[in-house]
C-alpha atoms as a PDB file:
ATOM      1  CA  MET A   1      38.625   7.730  -7.603  1.00  0.00           C
ATOM      2  CA  THR A   2      35.071   6.485  -7.191  1.00  0.00           C
ATOM      3  CA  ASN A   3      32.687   7.745  -4.577  1.00  0.00           C
ATOM      4  CA  ALA A   4      31.840   4.840  -2.304  1.00  0.00           C
ATOM      5  CA  GLY A   5      28.984   6.815  -0.798  1.00  0.00           C
ATOM      6  CA  PRO A   6      28.342   7.656   2.803  1.00  0.00           C
ATOM      7  CA  PRO A   7      29.560   5.309   5.509  1.00  0.00           C
ATOM      8  CA  PRO A   8      27.003   2.691   6.509  1.00  0.00           C
ATOM      9  CA  SER A   9      24.625   3.459   9.313  1.00  0.00           C
ATOM     10  CA  ALA A  10      25.439   1.732  12.607  1.00  0.00           C
ATOM     11  CA  ALA A  11      21.740   0.889  13.011  1.00  0.00           C
ATOM     12  CA  PHE A  12      21.659  -0.679   9.552  1.00  0.00           C
ATOM     13  CA  LEU A  13      24.760  -2.780  10.270  1.00  0.00           C
ATOM     14  CA  VAL A  14      23.355  -4.012  13.600  1.00  0.00           C
ATOM     15  CA  MET A  15      20.084  -4.917  11.848  1.00  0.00           C
ATOM     16  CA  ALA A  16      21.906  -6.722   9.022  1.00  0.00           C
ATOM     17  CA  VAL A  17      24.167  -8.684  11.381  1.00  0.00           C
ATOM     18  CA  GLY A  18      21.187  -9.519  13.590  1.00  0.00           C
ATOM     19  CA  ARG A  19      19.206 -10.758  10.611  1.00  0.00           C
ATOM     20  CA  ARG A  20      22.043 -13.037   9.481  1.00  0.00           C
ATOM     21  CA  MET A  21      22.523 -14.374  12.992  1.00  0.00           C
ATOM     22  CA  ARG A  22      18.810 -15.035  13.380  1.00  0.00           C
ATOM     23  CA  GLU A  23      18.730 -16.837  10.020  1.00  0.00           C
ATOM     24  CA  ARG A  24      21.571 -19.112  11.150  1.00  0.00           C
ATOM     25  CA  VAL A  25      19.862 -20.036  14.396  1.00  0.00           C
ATOM     26  CA  GLU A  26      16.515 -20.482  12.604  1.00  0.00           C
ATOM     27  CA  ARG A  27      18.148 -22.964  10.180  1.00  0.00           C
ATOM     28  CA  THR A  28      19.360 -25.032  13.120  1.00  0.00           C
ATOM     29  CA  LEU A  29      15.981 -24.929  14.850  1.00  0.00           C
ATOM     30  CA  LYS A  30      14.040 -25.672  11.657  1.00  0.00           C
ATOM     31  CA  SER A  31      15.338 -29.247  11.627  1.00  0.00           C
ATOM     32  CA  GLU A  32      13.532 -29.683  14.971  1.00  0.00           C
ATOM     33  CA  GLY A  33      10.340 -27.999  13.769  1.00  0.00           C
ATOM     34  CA  ILE A  34      10.671 -24.950  16.004  1.00  0.00           C
ATOM     35  CA  THR A  35      11.542 -21.271  15.596  1.00  0.00           C
ATOM     36  CA  MET A  36      13.209 -18.535  17.623  1.00  0.00           C
ATOM     37  CA  ARG A  37       9.796 -17.709  19.085  1.00  0.00           C
ATOM     38  CA  HIS A  38       9.554 -21.264  20.456  1.00  0.00           C
ATOM     39  CA  LEU A  39      13.110 -21.084  21.773  1.00  0.00           C
ATOM     40  CA  SER A  40      12.362 -17.764  23.467  1.00  0.00           C
ATOM     41  CA  ALA A  41       9.250 -19.171  25.152  1.00  0.00           C
ATOM     42  CA  LEU A  42      11.231 -22.191  26.369  1.00  0.00           C
ATOM     43  CA  GLY A  43      13.882 -19.872  27.777  1.00  0.00           C
ATOM     44  CA  HIS A  44      11.341 -17.793  29.690  1.00  0.00           C
ATOM     45  CA  LEU A  45       9.584 -20.899  31.005  1.00  0.00           C
ATOM     46  CA  SER A  46      12.837 -22.500  32.142  1.00  0.00           C
ATOM     47  CA  ARG A  47      13.827 -19.347  34.051  1.00  0.00           C
ATOM     48  CA  ASP A  48      10.428 -19.188  35.767  1.00  0.00           C
ATOM     49  CA  ALA A  49      10.316 -22.927  36.474  1.00  0.00           C
ATOM     50  CA  GLY A  50       7.551 -23.928  38.850  1.00  0.00           C
ATOM     51  CA  MET A  51       6.355 -20.360  39.405  1.00  0.00           C
ATOM     52  CA  GLY A  52       3.688 -20.328  36.733  1.00  0.00           C
ATOM     53  CA  ILE A  53       3.397 -17.559  34.213  1.00  0.00           C
ATOM     54  CA  SER A  54       0.443 -16.261  32.260  1.00  0.00           C
ATOM     55  CA  TYR A  55       0.250 -16.426  28.485  1.00  0.00           C
ATOM     56  CA  SER A  56      -0.118 -12.636  28.565  1.00  0.00           C
ATOM     57  CA  GLU A  57       3.142 -12.216  30.474  1.00  0.00           C
ATOM     58  CA  LEU A  58       4.987 -14.573  28.145  1.00  0.00           C
ATOM     59  CA  ALA A  59       3.545 -12.694  25.177  1.00  0.00           C
ATOM     60  CA  ARG A  60       4.618  -9.356  26.633  1.00  0.00           C
ATOM     61  CA  ARG A  61       8.160 -10.592  27.151  1.00  0.00           C
ATOM     62  CA  ALA A  62       8.318 -11.848  23.570  1.00  0.00           C
ATOM     63  CA  SER A  63       6.576  -8.762  22.112  1.00  0.00           C
ATOM     64  CA  VAL A  64       3.782 -10.831  20.547  1.00  0.00           C
ATOM     65  CA  THR A  65       0.032 -11.071  21.106  1.00  0.00           C
ATOM     66  CA  PRO A  66      -1.340 -13.481  23.724  1.00  0.00           C
ATOM     67  CA  GLN A  67      -3.068 -15.379  20.895  1.00  0.00           C
ATOM     68  CA  SER A  68       0.250 -15.807  19.101  1.00  0.00           C
ATOM     69  CA  MET A  69       1.862 -17.011  22.323  1.00  0.00           C
ATOM     70  CA  GLN A  70      -0.964 -19.531  22.789  1.00  0.00           C
ATOM     71  CA  ALA A  71      -0.170 -20.946  19.345  1.00  0.00           C
ATOM     72  CA  THR A  72       3.539 -21.021  20.196  1.00  0.00           C
ATOM     73  CA  LEU A  73       2.910 -22.909  23.436  1.00  0.00           C
ATOM     74  CA  ALA A  74       0.469 -25.292  21.746  1.00  0.00           C
ATOM     75  CA  LYS A  75       3.236 -26.232  19.289  1.00  0.00           C
ATOM     76  CA  LEU A  76       5.675 -26.748  22.166  1.00  0.00           C
ATOM     77  CA  GLU A  77       3.156 -28.990  23.930  1.00  0.00           C
ATOM     78  CA  GLU A  78       2.535 -30.897  20.697  1.00  0.00           C
ATOM     79  CA  CYS A  79       6.235 -31.629  20.223  1.00  0.00           C
ATOM     80  CA  GLY A  80       6.657 -32.627  23.880  1.00  0.00           C
ATOM     81  CA  ALA A  81       8.846 -29.675  24.871  1.00  0.00           C
ATOM     82  CA  VAL A  82       6.475 -28.461  27.592  1.00  0.00           C
ATOM     83  CA  SER A  83       3.751 -30.049  29.647  1.00  0.00           C
ATOM     84  CA  ARG A  84       0.846 -28.283  31.293  1.00  0.00           C
ATOM     85  CA  THR A  85       0.302 -29.098  34.955  1.00  0.00           C
ATOM     86  CA  THR A  86      -2.758 -26.850  35.398  1.00  0.00           C
ATOM     87  CA  ASP A  87      -5.477 -25.526  33.152  1.00  0.00           C
ATOM     88  CA  SER A  88      -5.036 -22.015  31.881  1.00  0.00           C
ATOM     89  CA  GLY A  89      -7.696 -19.423  31.359  1.00  0.00           C
ATOM     90  CA  ARG A  90      -8.112 -15.770  30.616  1.00  0.00           C
ATOM     91  CA  GLY A  91      -5.843 -13.941  33.042  1.00  0.00           C
ATOM     92  CA  ARG A  92      -4.990 -17.102  34.955  1.00  0.00           C
ATOM     93  CA  THR A  93      -1.483 -18.367  35.313  1.00  0.00           C
ATOM     94  CA  ALA A  94      -0.718 -21.554  33.440  1.00  0.00           C
ATOM     95  CA  ARG A  95       1.709 -23.930  35.060  1.00  0.00           C
ATOM     96  CA  LEU A  96       3.859 -25.107  32.212  1.00  0.00           C
ATOM     97  CA  VAL A  97       6.914 -27.248  32.783  1.00  0.00           C
ATOM     98  CA  VAL A  98       9.827 -27.545  30.379  1.00  0.00           C
ATOM     99  CA  THR A  99      10.328 -31.258  29.736  1.00  0.00           C
ATOM    100  CA  ASP A 100      13.553 -33.125  29.016  1.00  0.00           C
ATOM    101  CA  GLU A 101      12.777 -32.651  25.320  1.00  0.00           C
ATOM    102  CA  GLY A 102      12.352 -28.923  25.908  1.00  0.00           C
ATOM    103  CA  MET A 103      15.700 -28.785  27.698  1.00  0.00           C
ATOM    104  CA  ARG A 104      17.295 -30.613  24.760  1.00  0.00           C
ATOM    105  CA  LEU A 105      15.852 -28.027  22.364  1.00  0.00           C
ATOM    106  CA  LEU A 106      17.062 -25.200  24.606  1.00  0.00           C
ATOM    107  CA  GLY A 107      20.527 -26.746  24.547  1.00  0.00           C
ATOM    108  CA  LEU A 108      20.430 -26.934  20.762  1.00  0.00           C
ATOM    109  CA  GLY A 109      19.486 -23.262  20.578  1.00  0.00           C
ATOM    110  CA  ARG A 110      22.137 -22.252  23.086  1.00  0.00           C
ATOM    111  CA  ASP A 111      24.761 -24.178  21.116  1.00  0.00           C
ATOM    112  CA  ALA A 112      23.738 -22.371  17.913  1.00  0.00           C
ATOM    113  CA  ILE A 113      23.936 -19.017  19.688  1.00  0.00           C
ATOM    114  CA  GLY A 114      27.281 -20.030  21.215  1.00  0.00           C
ATOM    115  CA  GLU A 115      28.633 -20.601  17.716  1.00  0.00           C
ATOM    116  CA  LEU A 116      27.639 -17.032  16.867  1.00  0.00           C
ATOM    117  CA  ASP A 117      29.438 -15.794  19.989  1.00  0.00           C
ATOM    118  CA  GLU A 118      32.529 -17.572  18.660  1.00  0.00           C
ATOM    119  CA  VAL A 119      32.165 -15.787  15.314  1.00  0.00           C
ATOM    120  CA  LEU A 120      31.917 -12.464  17.153  1.00  0.00           C
ATOM    121  CA  GLY A 121      34.974 -13.372  19.213  1.00  0.00           C
ATOM    122  CA  ARG A 122      36.993 -14.027  16.067  1.00  0.00           C
ATOM    123  CA  HIS A 123      36.165 -10.601  14.642  1.00  0.00           C
ATOM    124  CA  LEU A 124      35.910  -8.392  17.739  1.00  0.00           C
ATOM    125  CA  ASP A 125      38.468  -8.401  20.527  1.00  0.00           C
ATOM    126  CA  ALA A 126      37.379  -9.045  24.106  1.00  0.00           C
ATOM    127  CA  ASP A 127      37.686  -5.367  25.081  1.00  0.00           C
ATOM    128  CA  THR A 128      35.406  -4.302  22.233  1.00  0.00           C
ATOM    129  CA  LEU A 129      32.828  -6.952  23.144  1.00  0.00           C
ATOM    130  CA  GLU A 130      32.961  -5.942  26.807  1.00  0.00           C
ATOM    131  CA  LYS A 131      32.212  -2.331  25.847  1.00  0.00           C
ATOM    132  CA  LEU A 132      29.621  -3.264  23.224  1.00  0.00           C
ATOM    133  CA  MET A 133      27.377  -5.437  25.420  1.00  0.00           C
ATOM    134  CA  PRO A 134      26.152  -2.764  27.876  1.00  0.00           C
ATOM    135  CA  GLY A 135      25.485  -0.340  25.028  1.00  0.00           C
ATOM    136  CA  LEU A 136      23.485  -2.909  23.089  1.00  0.00           C
ATOM    137  CA  LEU A 137      21.460  -3.801  26.198  1.00  0.00           C
ATOM    138  CA  ARG A 138      20.720  -0.127  26.918  1.00  0.00           C
ATOM    139  CA  THR A 139      19.687   0.379  23.293  1.00  0.00           C
ATOM    140  CA  MET A 140      17.406  -2.666  23.372  1.00  0.00           C
ATOM    141  CA  HIS A 141      15.697  -1.400  26.532  1.00  0.00           C
ATOM    142  CA  ALA A 142      15.396   2.115  25.080  1.00  0.00           C
ATOM    143  CA  LEU A 143      13.607   0.612  22.087  1.00  0.00           C
ATOM    144  CA  GLY A 144      11.152  -1.127  24.393  1.00  0.00           C
ATOM    145  CA  GLY A 145      12.449  -4.680  24.239  1.00  0.00           C
ATOM    146  CA  ASP A 146      13.298  -6.876  27.159  1.00  0.00           C
ATOM    147  CA  GLU A 147      13.708 -10.094  25.194  1.00  0.00           C
ATOM    148  CA  ARG A 148      16.489 -12.199  26.646  1.00  0.00           C
ATOM    149  CA  GLY A 149      15.325 -15.447  24.989  1.00  0.00           C
END
């Protein structure tokens, strides 16, 4: 009998599954020239539609620097996914609107994530998923993340 070693770490398995899921979504988004970071920014902007949100707040939500978020939003403007209705400035709220193109990209991302939900549903029963979700959310918050992209 061979020693298979210790059982895998739950944290390692969650990280490995998360990495594979992210890679799948990234492949879908790559054909459109965007990444998960762009999709996340679009999601936050669509939820805060018309309210205006600062680059700093968007960056905080995505756990990136404000400079990185500026580059992310510049790319989204360049590809027509968002339009700026007011000028932004240090500490000022930018009014960015998700365009029809941005909504299309959000839909593409949501479809890709929905496919992953289907994969989970084929391998985990509904009761397990129902119990898993709150624990994963609590763990994410405990680790300092509030990303809901």
